[in-house]
Each structure stands twice: as structure tokens, then as C-alpha cells.
Protein backbone atom coordinates (compact mmCIF):
# COMPACT_ATOMS: atom_id res chain seq x y z
CA MET A 1 10.88 -32.68 -8.91
CA THR A 2 7.58 -34.10 -7.63
CA GLU A 3 4.88 -32.39 -5.62
CA ALA A 4 5.98 -34.54 -2.65
CA ASN A 5 9.19 -32.51 -2.44
CA ALA A 6 9.33 -29.38 -0.37
CA ILE A 7 11.22 -26.60 -2.11
CA TRP A 8 12.97 -23.39 -1.17
CA ILE A 9 12.15 -20.59 -3.63
CA SER A 10 14.56 -17.66 -3.78
CA GLU A 11 14.00 -13.98 -4.43
CA GLN A 12 15.66 -14.28 -7.84
CA GLU A 13 13.39 -17.14 -8.86
CA ILE A 14 10.28 -15.25 -7.74
CA VAL A 15 10.98 -12.19 -9.88
CA GLU A 16 11.67 -14.48 -12.84
CA LEU A 17 8.51 -16.55 -12.33
CA ILE A 18 5.89 -13.80 -11.94
CA SER A 19 5.48 -10.11 -12.77
CA LEU A 20 3.59 -7.56 -10.73
CA LYS A 21 0.99 -7.29 -13.48
CA GLU A 22 0.42 -11.06 -13.25
CA ALA A 23 0.11 -10.80 -9.46
CA VAL A 24 -3.07 -8.71 -9.72
CA PRO A 25 -5.31 -11.49 -11.15
CA ALA A 26 -3.72 -14.02 -8.78
CA LEU A 27 -4.75 -11.84 -5.87
CA GLU A 28 -8.23 -11.31 -7.30
CA ALA A 29 -8.63 -15.10 -7.43
CA GLY A 30 -7.77 -15.35 -3.73
CA LEU A 31 -10.24 -12.59 -2.88
CA LEU A 32 -12.97 -14.46 -4.75
CA LEU A 33 -12.22 -17.56 -2.67
CA GLU A 34 -12.59 -15.46 0.47
CA HIS A 35 -15.93 -14.05 -0.68
CA ASP A 36 -17.18 -17.57 -1.46
CA GLY A 37 -16.22 -18.80 2.01
CA LYS A 38 -13.37 -20.95 0.71
CA ALA A 39 -10.52 -18.93 2.21
CA GLN A 40 -9.91 -17.32 5.56
CA ASN A 41 -7.30 -15.12 7.19
CA MET A 42 -5.39 -15.84 10.36
CA LYS A 43 -5.46 -12.85 12.68
CA LYS A 44 -2.43 -10.69 12.14
CA THR A 45 -0.35 -10.25 15.27
CA HIS A 46 2.75 -8.30 16.21
CA ALA A 47 5.05 -7.51 19.11
CA ILE A 48 7.01 -4.28 19.57
CA TRP A 49 10.38 -3.72 21.26
CA ASN A 50 13.43 -1.50 21.06
CA GLU A 51 11.50 1.70 21.92
CA ASN A 52 8.98 1.08 19.10
CA LYS A 53 11.78 0.76 16.55
CA SER A 54 11.39 -2.99 16.00
CA THR A 55 8.37 -5.23 15.39
CA LEU A 56 7.84 -8.97 15.05
CA HIS A 57 4.96 -9.85 12.71
CA ALA A 58 3.00 -13.01 11.91
CA LEU A 59 0.02 -13.58 9.63
CA GLY A 60 -1.41 -16.40 7.59
CA SER A 61 -4.28 -17.81 5.57
CA VAL A 62 -6.17 -21.02 4.79
CA PHE A 63 -7.49 -21.96 1.35
CA ASP A 64 -10.26 -24.40 2.31
CA GLY A 65 -10.51 -27.24 -0.19
CA ALA A 66 -7.48 -26.02 -2.13
CA GLY A 67 -5.07 -28.16 -0.16
CA MET A 68 -2.89 -25.36 1.11
CA VAL A 69 -2.30 -23.14 4.14
CA GLY A 70 0.47 -20.65 4.73
CA THR A 71 2.01 -18.33 7.27
CA LYS A 72 4.45 -15.44 6.88
CA THR A 73 6.64 -14.04 9.60
CA TRP A 74 9.40 -11.46 9.88
CA ALA A 75 11.17 -9.16 12.30
CA HIS A 76 11.34 -5.52 11.19
CA THR A 77 14.40 -3.98 12.82
CA PRO A 78 16.68 -0.99 12.20
CA GLY A 79 19.25 -3.52 11.03
CA GLY A 80 16.98 -5.13 8.44
CA ALA A 81 14.43 -7.93 8.05
CA CYS A 82 14.15 -11.46 6.65
CA PRO A 83 10.51 -12.27 5.74
CA LEU A 84 9.66 -15.88 4.94
CA LEU A 85 6.41 -17.43 3.69
CA ILE A 86 5.95 -21.09 4.67
CA LEU A 87 3.38 -23.20 2.80
CA PHE A 88 1.91 -26.45 4.14
CA ASN A 89 -0.36 -29.16 2.74
CA SER A 90 -3.69 -28.61 4.50
CA ASP A 91 -4.59 -32.34 4.41
CA ASN A 92 -1.48 -33.87 5.96
CA GLY A 93 0.46 -30.90 7.33
CA LYS A 94 3.55 -31.60 5.24
CA LEU A 95 5.84 -28.79 4.23
CA LEU A 96 5.30 -27.63 0.65
CA ALA A 97 7.61 -24.66 0.31
CA VAL A 98 9.63 -21.98 2.01
CA ILE A 99 9.49 -18.78 -0.04
CA GLU A 100 11.80 -15.82 0.47
CA ALA A 101 9.33 -13.00 0.81
CA PHE A 102 10.89 -9.58 0.20
CA ALA A 103 9.77 -9.42 -3.43
CA LEU A 104 6.58 -11.34 -2.68
CA GLY A 105 5.71 -8.86 0.08
CA GLN A 106 6.26 -5.85 -2.15
CA MET A 107 4.32 -7.54 -4.94
CA ARG A 108 1.29 -8.47 -2.84
CA THR A 109 1.17 -5.01 -1.21
CA ALA A 110 1.34 -3.35 -4.62
CA ALA A 111 -1.14 -5.80 -6.15
CA ILE A 112 -3.75 -5.20 -3.43
CA SER A 113 -3.51 -1.47 -4.16
CA GLY A 114 -3.87 -2.31 -7.83
CA VAL A 115 -7.01 -4.37 -7.21
CA ALA A 116 -8.49 -1.62 -5.02
CA THR A 117 -7.68 1.05 -7.60
CA LYS A 118 -9.23 -1.08 -10.36
CA PHE A 119 -12.56 -1.38 -8.55
CA MET A 120 -12.68 1.93 -6.65
CA SER A 121 -11.10 4.67 -8.77
CA ASP A 122 -12.63 6.47 -11.74
CA ILE A 123 -12.08 4.35 -14.83
CA ASN A 124 -10.37 7.32 -16.52
CA ALA A 125 -8.08 8.16 -13.59
CA ASP A 126 -4.54 8.75 -14.88
CA ASP A 127 -2.95 11.30 -12.52
CA MET A 128 -1.31 9.80 -9.42
CA ALA A 129 0.44 11.19 -6.35
CA ILE A 130 2.73 9.01 -4.25
CA ILE A 131 3.51 10.17 -0.72
CA GLY A 132 6.58 8.34 0.53
CA THR A 133 9.56 7.04 -1.42
CA GLY A 134 10.65 4.04 0.66
CA LYS A 135 11.16 0.44 -0.41
CA GLN A 136 7.46 -0.17 -1.16
CA ALA A 137 6.86 3.02 -3.16
CA ILE A 138 7.91 2.14 -6.70
CA ALA A 139 5.98 -1.14 -6.55
CA GLN A 140 2.92 0.84 -5.45
CA VAL A 141 3.25 2.99 -8.55
CA ALA A 142 3.57 -0.14 -10.68
CA GLY A 143 0.51 -1.71 -9.05
CA VAL A 144 -1.64 1.28 -9.91
CA ASN A 145 -0.19 1.57 -13.41
CA ALA A 146 -1.07 -2.09 -14.00
CA VAL A 147 -4.78 -1.24 -13.80
CA ARG A 148 -4.86 2.44 -14.82
CA GLN A 149 -2.68 3.82 -17.60
CA LEU A 150 -0.96 6.70 -15.84
CA LYS A 151 -0.03 9.91 -17.63
CA ARG A 152 1.51 11.73 -14.67
CA LEU A 153 3.01 10.95 -11.28
CA ARG A 154 3.77 13.50 -8.57
CA VAL A 155 6.19 12.55 -5.81
CA PHE A 156 6.64 13.81 -2.26
CA SER A 157 9.17 12.83 0.37
CA PRO A 158 10.28 15.18 3.15
CA THR A 159 13.88 14.63 2.04
CA PRO A 160 14.55 16.43 -1.28
CA GLU A 161 17.39 14.09 -2.26
CA LYS A 162 15.21 11.02 -1.77
CA ARG A 163 12.30 12.33 -3.82
CA GLU A 164 14.62 13.37 -6.66
CA ALA A 165 16.33 9.98 -6.65
CA PHE A 166 12.97 8.23 -6.62
CA ALA A 167 11.67 10.36 -9.49
CA ASP A 168 14.77 9.51 -11.54
CA LYS A 169 14.17 5.80 -10.90
CA VAL A 170 10.53 6.06 -11.98
CA LYS A 171 11.47 7.94 -15.15
CA VAL A 172 13.71 5.13 -16.37
CA THR A 173 11.13 2.47 -15.49
CA PHE A 174 7.86 3.93 -16.79
CA ASN A 175 6.70 6.01 -19.73
CA PHE A 176 4.78 8.83 -18.05
CA ASP A 177 5.57 12.30 -16.74
CA VAL A 178 7.09 12.52 -13.25
CA GLU A 179 7.22 15.63 -11.07
CA THR A 180 8.68 16.18 -7.60
CA CYS A 181 6.82 18.36 -5.10
CA ASP A 182 7.95 20.14 -1.94
CA SER A 183 4.77 19.49 0.06
CA VAL A 184 2.05 16.88 0.44
CA ALA A 185 -0.58 19.45 -0.54
CA SER A 186 1.08 20.34 -3.83
CA ALA A 187 1.66 16.68 -4.66
CA VAL A 188 -1.97 15.61 -4.21
CA ALA A 189 -3.66 18.72 -5.65
CA ASP A 190 -6.19 17.60 -8.29
CA ALA A 191 -4.74 14.06 -8.35
CA SER A 192 -7.26 11.35 -9.23
CA ILE A 193 -5.31 8.66 -7.33
CA VAL A 194 -3.29 9.21 -4.15
CA THR A 195 -1.24 6.54 -2.38
CA LEU A 196 0.17 7.00 1.11
CA VAL A 197 3.06 4.65 1.82
CA THR A 198 4.90 6.18 4.76
CA ARG A 199 5.95 5.35 8.31
CA ALA A 200 4.39 8.57 9.62
CA LYS A 201 3.31 8.72 13.24
CA ASP A 202 1.39 11.97 12.78
CA VAL A 203 -1.21 13.06 10.22
CA ILE A 204 0.24 14.19 6.89
CA LEU A 205 -2.93 14.36 4.73
CA SER A 206 -6.23 16.17 5.36
CA ALA A 207 -9.52 16.24 3.46
CA ASP A 208 -9.12 19.79 2.13
CA MET A 209 -6.05 18.69 0.15
CA LEU A 210 -7.96 16.13 -1.95
CA ALA A 211 -9.92 16.85 -5.11
CA ARG A 212 -13.44 15.59 -5.62
CA GLY A 213 -13.34 12.24 -7.40
CA CYS A 214 -10.05 11.19 -5.82
CA HIS A 215 -9.29 7.61 -4.82
CA LEU A 216 -7.02 7.22 -1.78
CA ASN A 217 -4.90 4.15 -1.01
CA ALA A 218 -3.66 4.28 2.61
CA ILE A 219 -0.95 1.64 2.87
CA GLY A 220 1.73 2.76 5.30
CA ALA A 221 0.26 2.83 8.81
CA ILE A 222 -0.05 -0.85 9.74
CA THR A 223 0.45 -0.61 13.51
CA PRO A 224 -1.59 1.43 16.03
CA GLU A 225 1.12 3.97 16.81
CA ARG A 226 1.16 5.15 13.19
CA LYS A 227 -1.25 7.47 11.39
CA GLU A 228 -1.25 8.99 7.90
CA PHE A 229 -4.53 10.83 7.31
CA SER A 230 -6.87 13.03 9.34
CA GLN A 231 -10.35 12.06 10.51
CA ASP A 232 -12.10 14.67 8.33
CA ILE A 233 -11.39 12.51 5.28
CA PHE A 234 -14.08 10.08 6.47
CA SER A 235 -16.73 12.81 6.17
CA ARG A 236 -16.07 12.98 2.42
CA THR A 237 -15.83 9.25 1.70
CA SER A 238 -18.81 7.47 0.18
CA LEU A 239 -16.96 4.26 -0.69
CA ILE A 240 -14.69 2.61 1.88
CA ALA A 241 -13.01 -0.78 1.53
CA VAL A 242 -10.24 -2.57 3.42
CA ASP A 243 -8.18 -5.69 2.86
CA THR A 244 -9.41 -7.29 6.11
CA VAL A 245 -11.94 -5.70 8.45
CA ASP A 246 -10.66 -7.56 11.51
CA SER A 247 -7.12 -6.21 11.28
CA VAL A 248 -8.33 -2.68 10.60
CA GLN A 249 -10.60 -2.86 13.66
CA ARG A 250 -7.68 -3.91 15.85
CA LEU A 251 -4.70 -2.09 14.39
CA SER A 252 -5.67 1.04 12.42
CA SER A 253 -5.72 4.11 14.67
CA GLU A 254 -7.49 6.15 11.97
CA PHE A 255 -10.39 3.70 11.70
CA ILE A 256 -10.57 2.91 15.42
CA GLU A 257 -10.92 6.60 16.23
CA GLN A 258 -13.65 6.97 13.61
CA TYR A 259 -15.78 3.87 14.23
CA GLY A 260 -14.97 2.79 17.78
CA GLU A 261 -15.85 -0.58 19.30
CA ASP A 262 -19.49 -0.89 18.18
CA ASP A 263 -19.60 -3.33 15.24
CA ALA A 264 -22.73 -1.60 13.90
CA ASN A 265 -20.66 1.49 13.13
CA TRP A 266 -18.47 -0.55 10.81
CA ASP A 267 -21.20 -1.53 8.34
CA VAL A 268 -19.98 1.09 5.86
CA VAL A 269 -16.53 -0.52 5.79
CA LYS A 270 -16.53 -3.23 3.11
CA PRO A 271 -13.99 -5.99 2.55
CA LEU A 272 -12.31 -5.57 -0.82
CA SER A 273 -13.36 -9.13 -1.68
CA SER A 274 -17.01 -8.00 -1.82
CA LEU A 275 -16.21 -5.40 -4.49
CA VAL A 276 -14.25 -7.93 -6.54
CA ALA A 277 -17.02 -10.54 -6.31
CA THR A 278 -19.76 -8.14 -7.37
CA VAL A 279 -17.56 -6.44 -9.99
CA SER A 280 -18.55 -3.14 -8.41
CA ASN A 281 -17.66 0.14 -10.05
CA ARG A 282 -17.18 3.51 -8.41
CA PRO A 283 -20.54 5.31 -7.95
CA ASP A 284 -20.86 8.40 -10.15
CA GLU A 285 -21.66 10.62 -7.15
CA CYS A 286 -18.67 9.43 -5.11
CA ASP A 287 -16.59 12.27 -3.66
CA ILE A 288 -13.62 10.36 -2.23
CA SER A 289 -13.08 6.61 -2.15
CA LEU A 290 -10.78 5.17 0.50
CA PHE A 291 -8.91 1.88 0.63
CA LYS A 292 -7.02 0.87 3.76
CA ALA A 293 -4.60 -2.06 3.74
CA MET A 294 -3.04 -3.54 6.86
CA GLY A 295 -1.53 -6.58 5.16
CA MET A 296 -3.23 -9.97 5.28
CA GLY A 297 -2.19 -13.57 4.96
CA LEU A 298 -4.62 -14.18 2.11
CA SER A 299 -2.59 -11.84 -0.10
CA ASP A 300 0.61 -13.72 0.66
CA LEU A 301 -0.99 -17.13 0.16
CA SER A 302 -2.62 -16.07 -3.12
CA LEU A 303 0.74 -15.14 -4.58
CA GLY A 304 2.58 -17.95 -2.81
CA ALA A 305 0.26 -20.55 -4.33
CA GLU A 306 0.73 -19.09 -7.81
CA ILE A 307 4.51 -18.90 -7.38
CA LEU A 308 4.67 -22.52 -6.14
CA LYS A 309 2.64 -23.69 -9.14
CA ARG A 310 4.93 -21.87 -11.55
CA ALA A 311 8.06 -23.08 -9.76
CA ARG A 312 6.94 -26.70 -10.09
CA GLN A 313 6.14 -26.22 -13.76
CA ALA A 314 9.53 -24.62 -14.40
CA GLY A 315 11.52 -27.02 -12.23
CA ALA A 316 12.64 -24.08 -10.10
CA GLY A 317 13.39 -24.06 -6.40
CA ARG A 318 15.88 -25.97 -4.27
CA SER A 319 14.67 -29.29 -2.88
CA ILE A 320 14.63 -29.47 0.91
CA PRO A 321 13.89 -32.59 3.00
CA GLN A 322 10.67 -33.01 4.91
CA PRO A 323 11.28 -32.61 8.67
CA GLU A 324 11.10 -36.01 10.40
CA LYS A 325 10.13 -36.76 13.98
CA ARG A 326 12.89 -38.07 16.23
CA PRO A 327 12.71 -39.31 19.82
CA LEU A 328 13.84 -36.86 22.48
CA ASN A 329 17.09 -37.28 24.34
CA LEU A 330 15.65 -37.64 27.84
CA THR A 331 18.90 -38.09 29.71
């Protein structure tokens, strides 16, 4: 298979080609390109229908000088979703790959939390709380464990059966203690790392629940009608980073309520790429650090580029023909 071929890369091939732990440095490399002005995000957009139960999403990224651009799209519905990442040659526009993006999406969302935790949490942090036990949750645990060696995980879901089932799954996957909790407050008490990965529409976490020194990953609320944490958390944060400032300004109700429309108010909100580029560590005096992720095309393209490279090296993927122009039938 030559690089001139476009290929279709399946879910099974993706999980065989790259691990979550390997996704973290791939994502860091993309963030460094962004910081150096060699990568840019396409504005994330979405449309809502079906009484706010369904959303159509699109996002993308450009790697300037790296010969590649990509866009990911999917429809999130009560009946399911089918995310696809499409990669193009940035010089001639030719199709490079179509990548099935369930695993890729979970991997890049978990990896961005891993990168944030690496640069924002206490280096000795080993006690995590996960709030939410949906399809992204176990990958979030793995993303954090890839950069901090966890000793304990506490789990909360409002449904007892779901949190017990999730805890059982974690226990057979990882070698650390796992506890289930019957409230958010008991789950996060004294935790050094907290990850919110829910579809909550109302606040579930407040500042008084968090211990000093905690790092918070807020991952779940990616559309304006959703909200996971209360505004008083901002009063305790001395280190705030986001995956992409633009998307947070437009789509995060928590941040919009806090910082409003004046760009000057947003100076304290740093892109994660700036922390990666400067190899910043958590300040000793930091009370709470906060990372907010909305999802960005750069994350998808970072992993997509690495997956495509590995697929070519391994001879993986199914060859698909380049689309060819044809004259219209005008009659």
C-alpha cells in the first residue's frame, strides 16, 4: 500500500495500533505544534434537535506544513452515533483516510485529561474520584493513571447498579483500590484528582466539596445547556487551563457565566498548549487547579495522524478509491 492510497481504518485496527498510554505523547506533540503556530483548530459547531436529545457535531484541525488536515463529525442520538474522522492532504486536497472514531474519540478525550493532569496536578497525586460511569469514564481513569500512578479510585454514579458494575470493571483492569460512594461529596472528599464526565444539566459539584491541592478535570458539559460545577469553584482556582479557549468562550456555560463577553476577563484562562510548551508545573501555593475540555479537532488530528502513520507501516487499513469528478447529468 502506497501513501497515494486512501485507506479506511477500523475500530479494531485502531485499538491494535495504539494504546492510550501512547496517545498521550502523540497529543502533546500536536499541542506543541499549536503553541508554535504550526497547527490550528476549526471552530467546533453543533446543531440540536429532538427536544435537546440529539446533537450534530463537527470540528477539525489543520497541521500547517505537516501536509495534513482533518475533520470529525457525528450525530449523537438516543439511538446511537457513528463518529468518523476524515483526513486530507493539505497540499492537493486528496483523501488520505477515513477513520472510525469511537475508540479514537475516547482515546483523545482521555489523553487530553492525562496531559492536563500531568502538567496541572501535584506530582504525587494518587487518589482519584470519577463522577460519572458512562462510556467515557473508564478511559478517563486510564488517561490519568497513564501519568500518575493511582493508589485509589472512588466512583460515583446516581444509579447504584451502574457504579458497582463500573467499579467491578475497573478492578479487573487496574491494580489499585476501588471504592463506590453514594454521593458526589463522599466520592471527592480529600481526593487529589477529580474528573467530572457526566451529562448533567444542573450543578453537581461545589467548591466546599474539594480539598486544597485538588486538580479538577471537567470533561462532560460540552454544550451550553449542560453544567457540572458551581461558580464558587473559580474563587479557589489559581491555575486554569482549557483545551481551546474559543470553544470554551462560546459553549461552556460555567465559563461564560464567570468571565462574560469581555476578552480581558479571560486572561487567566490558559490554553493547555502553553503549559505543555513551557513544561509548567503546578505552583506550590495552588489551591485548586481546573482543566476544562470541550473537545477540539487538534486532539483528533494528533491521534489520527499517528494512527495513519502506524497503519501505513503495518499495512493495515482497507484501500478505498479516490473520489473522481464526473460531469453532471443536466437533462
